[in-house]
Amino acid sequence: MQTTEAILLRKTRFSETSLIVSWFTRDYGRLKTVVKGALRPKSRFAGVLDLFFDCDISIARSAKSDLHTLREADLRDARAGLRTDHRRVALASYFVELVELTTEPEHPAPELHDLLRRAFNFLDQNPAEPRALLHFEGELARMLGIAHPELTPIVAIGRVYHRIPSSRAACLKQ
């Protein structure tokens, strides 16, 4: 069993009582876990598995696939302030899209994990503003080693990864 700090990126229903949860972990990068029984009324995971939550997780790694099993999750930070405004949620979701675009599954990127945590903590305490988006893009491009003095960070990201999340435009209009 392996334990690490993790940020919950996405969750989808797997069965009547189970979820597939995508995490961005500090030690193992992006990974997916099946959470058996998560949707049962008295699940030990009740109140712990929501978008953008910061948790300490323990996983049993699968030898056969990239879908591992979540054994334990302890909530570190629920970031309740982040959910108070749809603009904050939209910007946090955009940050998740960028992380998913620019990272490979199961490749550790502790610096990017820390960037995402700082961005979510900022949104937990502050309104969603274009400067937060621009700062995140700039730091991401710098950390990825693709920042270029003649290009905006998002143009550099688009050139390297061949797309820009479509949700960006809506975040800038807010």
C-alpha atoms as a PDB file:
ATOM      1  CA  MET A   1       0.000   0.000   0.000  1.00  0.00           C
ATOM      2  CA  GLN A   2       1.248   3.496  -0.864  1.00  0.00           C
ATOM      3  CA  THR A   3       0.311   6.760   0.852  1.00  0.00           C
ATOM      4  CA  THR A   4       0.572  10.251  -0.611  1.00  0.00           C
ATOM      5  CA  GLU A   5      -0.914  13.737  -0.679  1.00  0.00           C
ATOM      6  CA  ALA A   6      -3.529  14.046  -3.416  1.00  0.00           C
ATOM      7  CA  ILE A   7      -5.917  16.538  -4.985  1.00  0.00           C
ATOM      8  CA  LEU A   8      -9.192  15.145  -6.306  1.00  0.00           C
ATOM      9  CA  LEU A   9      -9.527  16.146  -9.981  1.00  0.00           C
ATOM     10  CA  ARG A  10     -12.548  14.191 -11.244  1.00  0.00           C
ATOM     11  CA  LYS A  11     -14.991  11.541 -10.177  1.00  0.00           C
ATOM     12  CA  THR A  12     -17.358   9.380 -12.208  1.00  0.00           C
ATOM     13  CA  ARG A  13     -19.831   6.690 -11.303  1.00  0.00           C
ATOM     14  CA  PHE A  14     -18.440   3.195 -11.884  1.00  0.00           C
ATOM     15  CA  SER A  15     -21.318   1.104 -10.573  1.00  0.00           C
ATOM     16  CA  GLU A  16     -24.327   1.480  -8.324  1.00  0.00           C
ATOM     17  CA  THR A  17     -22.085   1.893  -5.279  1.00  0.00           C
ATOM     18  CA  SER A  18     -18.600   2.631  -6.631  1.00  0.00           C
ATOM     19  CA  LEU A  19     -16.730   5.565  -8.160  1.00  0.00           C
ATOM     20  CA  ILE A  20     -13.697   6.086 -10.344  1.00  0.00           C
ATOM     21  CA  VAL A  21     -11.720   8.988  -8.891  1.00  0.00           C
ATOM     22  CA  SER A  22      -8.887  10.817 -10.657  1.00  0.00           C
ATOM     23  CA  TRP A  23      -6.193  12.274  -8.423  1.00  0.00           C
ATOM     24  CA  PHE A  24      -3.133  14.447  -8.861  1.00  0.00           C
ATOM     25  CA  THR A  25      -0.711  13.118  -6.274  1.00  0.00           C
ATOM     26  CA  ARG A  26       2.477  14.685  -5.071  1.00  0.00           C
ATOM     27  CA  ASP A  27       4.503  11.460  -5.228  1.00  0.00           C
ATOM     28  CA  TYR A  28       2.999   9.510  -8.128  1.00  0.00           C
ATOM     29  CA  GLY A  29       1.519  12.114 -10.485  1.00  0.00           C
ATOM     30  CA  ARG A  30      -1.937  11.684 -11.967  1.00  0.00           C
ATOM     31  CA  LEU A  31      -3.640   8.410 -11.234  1.00  0.00           C
ATOM     32  CA  LYS A  32      -7.082   6.820 -11.090  1.00  0.00           C
ATOM     33  CA  THR A  33      -8.590   4.778  -8.308  1.00  0.00           C
ATOM     34  CA  VAL A  34     -11.717   2.725  -7.975  1.00  0.00           C
ATOM     35  CA  VAL A  35     -13.512   3.503  -4.721  1.00  0.00           C
ATOM     36  CA  LYS A  36     -15.624   0.487  -3.874  1.00  0.00           C
ATOM     37  CA  GLY A  37     -18.721   1.240  -1.819  1.00  0.00           C
ATOM     38  CA  ALA A  38     -18.212   5.014  -1.999  1.00  0.00           C
ATOM     39  CA  LEU A  39     -21.900   5.637  -2.730  1.00  0.00           C
ATOM     40  CA  ARG A  40     -23.271   3.478   0.075  1.00  0.00           C
ATOM     41  CA  PRO A  41     -25.085   5.468   2.791  1.00  0.00           C
ATOM     42  CA  LYS A  42     -22.588   4.562   5.533  1.00  0.00           C
ATOM     43  CA  SER A  43     -19.442   4.589   3.412  1.00  0.00           C
ATOM     44  CA  ARG A  44     -16.207   5.442   5.191  1.00  0.00           C
ATOM     45  CA  PHE A  45     -15.538   7.780   2.244  1.00  0.00           C
ATOM     46  CA  ALA A  46     -18.681   9.885   2.820  1.00  0.00           C
ATOM     47  CA  GLY A  47     -17.815  13.586   2.852  1.00  0.00           C
ATOM     48  CA  VAL A  48     -14.225  12.969   1.769  1.00  0.00           C
ATOM     49  CA  LEU A  49     -14.485  12.606  -2.015  1.00  0.00           C
ATOM     50  CA  ASP A  50     -15.424  15.851  -3.713  1.00  0.00           C
ATOM     51  CA  LEU A  51     -13.867  17.952  -6.436  1.00  0.00           C
ATOM     52  CA  PHE A  52     -10.761  19.905  -5.495  1.00  0.00           C
ATOM     53  CA  PHE A  53     -10.508  18.275  -2.043  1.00  0.00           C
ATOM     54  CA  ASP A  54      -6.995  17.861  -0.682  1.00  0.00           C
ATOM     55  CA  CYS A  55      -6.529  14.445   0.954  1.00  0.00           C
ATOM     56  CA  ASP A  56      -3.976  12.010   2.253  1.00  0.00           C
ATOM     57  CA  ILE A  57      -4.744   8.791   0.392  1.00  0.00           C
ATOM     58  CA  SER A  58      -3.608   5.188   0.631  1.00  0.00           C
ATOM     59  CA  ILE A  59      -3.858   3.093  -2.508  1.00  0.00           C
ATOM     60  CA  ALA A  60      -3.301  -0.505  -3.452  1.00  0.00           C
ATOM     61  CA  ARG A  61      -1.613  -0.393  -6.833  1.00  0.00           C
ATOM     62  CA  SER A  62      -2.793  -2.705  -9.577  1.00  0.00           C
ATOM     63  CA  ALA A  63      -0.158  -4.782 -11.338  1.00  0.00           C
ATOM     64  CA  LYS A  64      -2.394  -5.261 -14.375  1.00  0.00           C
ATOM     65  CA  SER A  65      -3.896  -1.859 -15.131  1.00  0.00           C
ATOM     66  CA  ASP A  66      -3.705   1.853 -14.443  1.00  0.00           C
ATOM     67  CA  LEU A  67      -6.814   1.651 -12.239  1.00  0.00           C
ATOM     68  CA  HIS A  68      -5.764   1.262  -8.611  1.00  0.00           C
ATOM     69  CA  THR A  69      -7.872   0.756  -5.481  1.00  0.00           C
ATOM     70  CA  LEU A  70      -8.389   3.489  -2.915  1.00  0.00           C
ATOM     71  CA  ARG A  71      -8.041   2.009   0.576  1.00  0.00           C
ATOM     72  CA  GLU A  72      -8.118   5.142   2.744  1.00  0.00           C
ATOM     73  CA  ALA A  73      -8.684   8.863   2.330  1.00  0.00           C
ATOM     74  CA  ASP A  74      -8.248  11.463   5.049  1.00  0.00           C
ATOM     75  CA  LEU A  75      -9.472  14.961   4.274  1.00  0.00           C
ATOM     76  CA  ARG A  76      -6.818  17.659   4.640  1.00  0.00           C
ATOM     77  CA  ASP A  77      -8.683  20.632   3.146  1.00  0.00           C
ATOM     78  CA  ALA A  78     -12.207  20.829   1.704  1.00  0.00           C
ATOM     79  CA  ARG A  79     -11.748  24.362   0.368  1.00  0.00           C
ATOM     80  CA  ALA A  80     -15.344  25.331   1.141  1.00  0.00           C
ATOM     81  CA  GLY A  81     -14.770  28.886  -0.111  1.00  0.00           C
ATOM     82  CA  LEU A  82     -13.918  27.616  -3.573  1.00  0.00           C
ATOM     83  CA  ARG A  83     -17.480  26.286  -3.961  1.00  0.00           C
ATOM     84  CA  THR A  84     -19.216  29.539  -3.009  1.00  0.00           C
ATOM     85  CA  ASP A  85     -19.098  30.958  -6.522  1.00  0.00           C
ATOM     86  CA  HIS A  86     -19.498  29.334  -9.930  1.00  0.00           C
ATOM     87  CA  ARG A  87     -16.637  31.461 -11.324  1.00  0.00           C
ATOM     88  CA  ARG A  88     -14.228  29.971  -8.796  1.00  0.00           C
ATOM     89  CA  VAL A  89     -15.364  26.449  -9.681  1.00  0.00           C
ATOM     90  CA  ALA A  90     -15.027  27.209 -13.409  1.00  0.00           C
ATOM     91  CA  LEU A  91     -11.479  28.522 -12.961  1.00  0.00           C
ATOM     92  CA  ALA A  92     -10.480  25.566 -10.771  1.00  0.00           C
ATOM     93  CA  SER A  93     -11.894  23.232 -13.438  1.00  0.00           C
ATOM     94  CA  TYR A  94      -9.839  25.022 -16.090  1.00  0.00           C
ATOM     95  CA  PHE A  95      -6.703  24.515 -13.985  1.00  0.00           C
ATOM     96  CA  VAL A  96      -7.549  20.794 -13.784  1.00  0.00           C
ATOM     97  CA  GLU A  97      -7.904  20.659 -17.581  1.00  0.00           C
ATOM     98  CA  LEU A  98      -4.482  22.270 -17.994  1.00  0.00           C
ATOM     99  CA  VAL A  99      -2.871  19.813 -15.581  1.00  0.00           C
ATOM    100  CA  GLU A 100      -4.479  16.880 -17.391  1.00  0.00           C
ATOM    101  CA  LEU A 101      -3.328  18.263 -20.742  1.00  0.00           C
ATOM    102  CA  THR A 102       0.276  18.849 -19.712  1.00  0.00           C
ATOM    103  CA  THR A 103       1.050  15.825 -17.521  1.00  0.00           C
ATOM    104  CA  GLU A 104       1.378  12.122 -18.218  1.00  0.00           C
ATOM    105  CA  PRO A 105      -0.399   9.587 -16.013  1.00  0.00           C
ATOM    106  CA  GLU A 106       1.701   8.203 -13.175  1.00  0.00           C
ATOM    107  CA  HIS A 107       4.676  10.519 -13.715  1.00  0.00           C
ATOM    108  CA  PRO A 108       5.500  12.457 -10.551  1.00  0.00           C
ATOM    109  CA  ALA A 109       5.402  16.241 -10.873  1.00  0.00           C
ATOM    110  CA  PRO A 110       5.590  17.556  -7.288  1.00  0.00           C
ATOM    111  CA  GLU A 111       6.214  21.140  -8.401  1.00  0.00           C
ATOM    112  CA  LEU A 112       3.030  21.097 -10.525  1.00  0.00           C
ATOM    113  CA  HIS A 113       1.093  19.461  -7.693  1.00  0.00           C
ATOM    114  CA  ASP A 114       2.179  22.287  -5.400  1.00  0.00           C
ATOM    115  CA  LEU A 115       1.219  24.884  -8.040  1.00  0.00           C
ATOM    116  CA  LEU A 116      -2.280  23.414  -8.314  1.00  0.00           C
ATOM    117  CA  ARG A 117      -2.631  23.320  -4.530  1.00  0.00           C
ATOM    118  CA  ARG A 118      -1.592  26.989  -4.258  1.00  0.00           C
ATOM    119  CA  ALA A 119      -4.028  27.947  -7.035  1.00  0.00           C
ATOM    120  CA  PHE A 120      -6.909  26.159  -5.305  1.00  0.00           C
ATOM    121  CA  ASN A 121      -5.976  27.734  -1.969  1.00  0.00           C
ATOM    122  CA  PHE A 122      -5.997  31.160  -3.641  1.00  0.00           C
ATOM    123  CA  LEU A 123      -9.456  30.516  -5.115  1.00  0.00           C
ATOM    124  CA  ASP A 124     -10.658  29.311  -1.725  1.00  0.00           C
ATOM    125  CA  GLN A 125      -9.907  32.748  -0.256  1.00  0.00           C
ATOM    126  CA  ASN A 126     -10.235  35.139  -3.220  1.00  0.00           C
ATOM    127  CA  PRO A 127     -12.561  35.859  -6.133  1.00  0.00           C
ATOM    128  CA  ALA A 128     -11.826  34.305  -9.515  1.00  0.00           C
ATOM    129  CA  GLU A 129      -9.987  36.923 -11.547  1.00  0.00           C
ATOM    130  CA  PRO A 130      -8.239  36.841 -14.923  1.00  0.00           C
ATOM    131  CA  ARG A 131      -4.925  37.589 -13.208  1.00  0.00           C
ATOM    132  CA  ALA A 132      -5.173  34.263 -11.342  1.00  0.00           C
ATOM    133  CA  LEU A 133      -5.637  32.466 -14.664  1.00  0.00           C
ATOM    134  CA  LEU A 134      -2.712  34.315 -16.261  1.00  0.00           C
ATOM    135  CA  HIS A 135      -0.477  33.676 -13.262  1.00  0.00           C
ATOM    136  CA  PHE A 136      -1.270  29.947 -13.277  1.00  0.00           C
ATOM    137  CA  GLU A 137      -0.575  29.681 -17.016  1.00  0.00           C
ATOM    138  CA  GLY A 138       2.707  31.560 -16.617  1.00  0.00           C
ATOM    139  CA  GLU A 139       3.903  29.402 -13.736  1.00  0.00           C
ATOM    140  CA  LEU A 140       2.821  26.230 -15.531  1.00  0.00           C
ATOM    141  CA  ALA A 141       4.703  27.170 -18.717  1.00  0.00           C
ATOM    142  CA  ARG A 142       7.794  28.068 -16.681  1.00  0.00           C
ATOM    143  CA  MET A 143       7.724  24.798 -14.724  1.00  0.00           C
ATOM    144  CA  LEU A 144       7.241  22.789 -17.913  1.00  0.00           C
ATOM    145  CA  GLY A 145      10.250  24.530 -19.460  1.00  0.00           C
ATOM    146  CA  ILE A 146       8.259  25.909 -22.398  1.00  0.00           C
ATOM    147  CA  ALA A 147       8.024  29.582 -21.422  1.00  0.00           C
ATOM    148  CA  HIS A 148       9.237  31.825 -24.232  1.00  0.00           C
ATOM    149  CA  PRO A 149       9.895  35.575 -23.949  1.00  0.00           C
ATOM    150  CA  GLU A 150       8.128  36.302 -27.244  1.00  0.00           C
ATOM    151  CA  LEU A 151       5.012  34.225 -26.535  1.00  0.00           C
ATOM    152  CA  THR A 152       2.279  34.418 -23.955  1.00  0.00           C
ATOM    153  CA  PRO A 153       2.299  31.332 -21.745  1.00  0.00           C
ATOM    154  CA  ILE A 154      -0.958  29.985 -23.174  1.00  0.00           C
ATOM    155  CA  VAL A 155       0.349  30.301 -26.732  1.00  0.00           C
ATOM    156  CA  ALA A 156       3.468  28.368 -25.703  1.00  0.00           C
ATOM    157  CA  ILE A 157       1.288  25.692 -24.081  1.00  0.00           C
ATOM    158  CA  GLY A 158      -0.925  25.521 -27.177  1.00  0.00           C
ATOM    159  CA  ARG A 159       2.078  25.115 -29.475  1.00  0.00           C
ATOM    160  CA  VAL A 160       3.569  22.273 -27.476  1.00  0.00           C
ATOM    161  CA  TYR A 161       0.359  20.405 -26.584  1.00  0.00           C
ATOM    162  CA  HIS A 162      -1.575  21.306 -29.767  1.00  0.00           C
ATOM    163  CA  ARG A 163      -4.676  22.568 -28.015  1.00  0.00           C
ATOM    164  CA  ILE A 164      -5.956  24.932 -25.377  1.00  0.00           C
ATOM    165  CA  PRO A 165      -8.904  23.967 -23.165  1.00  0.00           C
ATOM    166  CA  SER A 166     -12.063  25.575 -24.546  1.00  0.00           C
ATOM    167  CA  SER A 167     -13.161  26.543 -21.034  1.00  0.00           C
ATOM    168  CA  ARG A 168     -10.457  29.236 -20.974  1.00  0.00           C
ATOM    169  CA  ALA A 169     -12.571  31.746 -22.908  1.00  0.00           C
ATOM    170  CA  ALA A 170     -15.451  31.487 -20.434  1.00  0.00           C
ATOM    171  CA  CYS A 171     -13.067  31.997 -17.501  1.00  0.00           C
ATOM    172  CA  LEU A 172     -11.716  35.202 -19.053  1.00  0.00           C
ATOM    173  CA  LYS A 173     -15.216  36.614 -19.699  1.00  0.00           C
ATOM    174  CA  GLN A 174     -16.238  36.399 -16.067  1.00  0.00           C
END
